[in-house]
Protein backbone atom coordinates (compact mmCIF):
# COMPACT_ATOMS: atom_id res chain seq x y z
CA UNK A 1 -7.63 18.62 -6.09
CA UNK A 2 -7.49 19.50 -9.55
CA UNK A 3 -10.48 21.23 -11.59
CA UNK A 4 -11.21 22.31 -15.12
CA UNK A 5 -12.22 25.15 -16.52
CA UNK A 6 -15.94 24.23 -15.48
CA UNK A 7 -15.18 23.67 -11.97
CA UNK A 8 -15.53 19.73 -12.38
CA UNK A 9 -13.13 17.77 -10.41
CA UNK A 10 -10.74 15.97 -12.60
CA UNK A 11 -7.87 14.72 -10.97
CA UNK A 12 -6.56 14.25 -7.54
CA UNK A 13 -3.11 13.97 -6.46
CA UNK A 14 -1.88 12.65 -3.61
CA UNK A 15 1.34 12.08 -1.74
CA UNK A 16 2.88 8.57 -1.71
CA UNK A 17 2.06 7.83 1.87
CA UNK A 18 -1.65 9.11 1.24
CA UNK A 19 -1.78 6.52 -1.65
CA UNK A 20 -0.58 3.56 0.46
CA UNK A 21 -2.88 4.50 3.11
CA UNK A 22 -5.67 4.48 0.40
CA UNK A 23 -4.15 0.76 -0.76
CA UNK A 24 -4.02 -0.41 2.96
CA UNK A 25 -7.94 0.70 3.34
CA UNK A 26 -9.02 -1.25 0.03
CA UNK A 27 -7.11 -4.28 1.48
CA UNK A 28 -9.23 -4.37 4.24
CA UNK A 29 -12.17 -3.34 3.06
CA UNK A 30 -12.63 -4.08 -0.36
CA UNK A 31 -13.83 -7.31 -2.42
CA UNK A 32 -10.53 -8.51 -3.85
CA UNK A 33 -12.53 -9.64 -6.78
CA UNK A 34 -14.27 -6.46 -7.47
CA UNK A 35 -10.99 -4.36 -7.44
CA UNK A 36 -9.97 -3.36 -11.16
CA UNK A 37 -6.68 -5.00 -12.08
CA UNK A 38 -4.62 -2.15 -11.58
CA UNK A 39 -5.44 -1.43 -8.14
CA UNK A 40 -4.84 -5.10 -7.21
CA UNK A 41 -1.26 -4.66 -8.82
CA UNK A 42 -0.66 -1.54 -6.62
CA UNK A 43 -1.87 -3.78 -3.51
CA UNK A 44 0.55 -6.26 -4.64
CA UNK A 45 3.16 -4.22 -5.04
CA UNK A 46 2.67 -2.38 -1.50
CA UNK A 47 2.51 -5.96 0.07
CA UNK A 48 5.94 -6.94 -1.78
CA UNK A 49 7.67 -3.89 -0.31
CA UNK A 50 6.25 -4.48 3.11
CA UNK A 51 7.74 -8.02 2.96
CA UNK A 52 10.86 -6.64 1.72
CA UNK A 53 11.10 -4.29 4.47
CA UNK A 54 10.29 -6.96 7.21
CA UNK A 55 12.90 -9.31 5.53
CA UNK A 56 15.61 -6.54 6.14
CA UNK A 57 14.78 -6.12 9.56
CA UNK A 58 14.16 -9.86 10.35
CA UNK A 59 16.43 -11.66 12.67
CA UNK A 60 17.40 -15.38 13.56
CA UNK A 61 15.43 -17.19 16.13
CA UNK A 62 18.71 -18.19 17.61
CA UNK A 63 20.33 -15.12 17.80
CA UNK A 64 17.17 -13.32 19.89
CA UNK A 65 17.20 -16.29 22.03
CA UNK A 66 21.05 -16.06 22.75
CA UNK A 67 20.50 -12.33 24.02
CA UNK A 68 18.64 -13.45 27.10
C-alpha cells in the first residue's frame, strides 16, 4: 500500500496473481453491467488467457478413448 505525506492511502500495488484473483471474484460476484469498462476489459482478457491455456492443454477425444 502506498500512502501520501498526509497518511492517505493513494495506491495499492498487487501482484499479477492477486489481480487475477480479484478479477475472478468480480466475475463471480459483481453485476457485469455495473462494472466500469476498464474492469470489463480486464476480465475479458483474463478469460481469453484462460481459454488459450485450456486450448494448449486440450486433446482430441478419439486420442483419449484410444488410451483406454
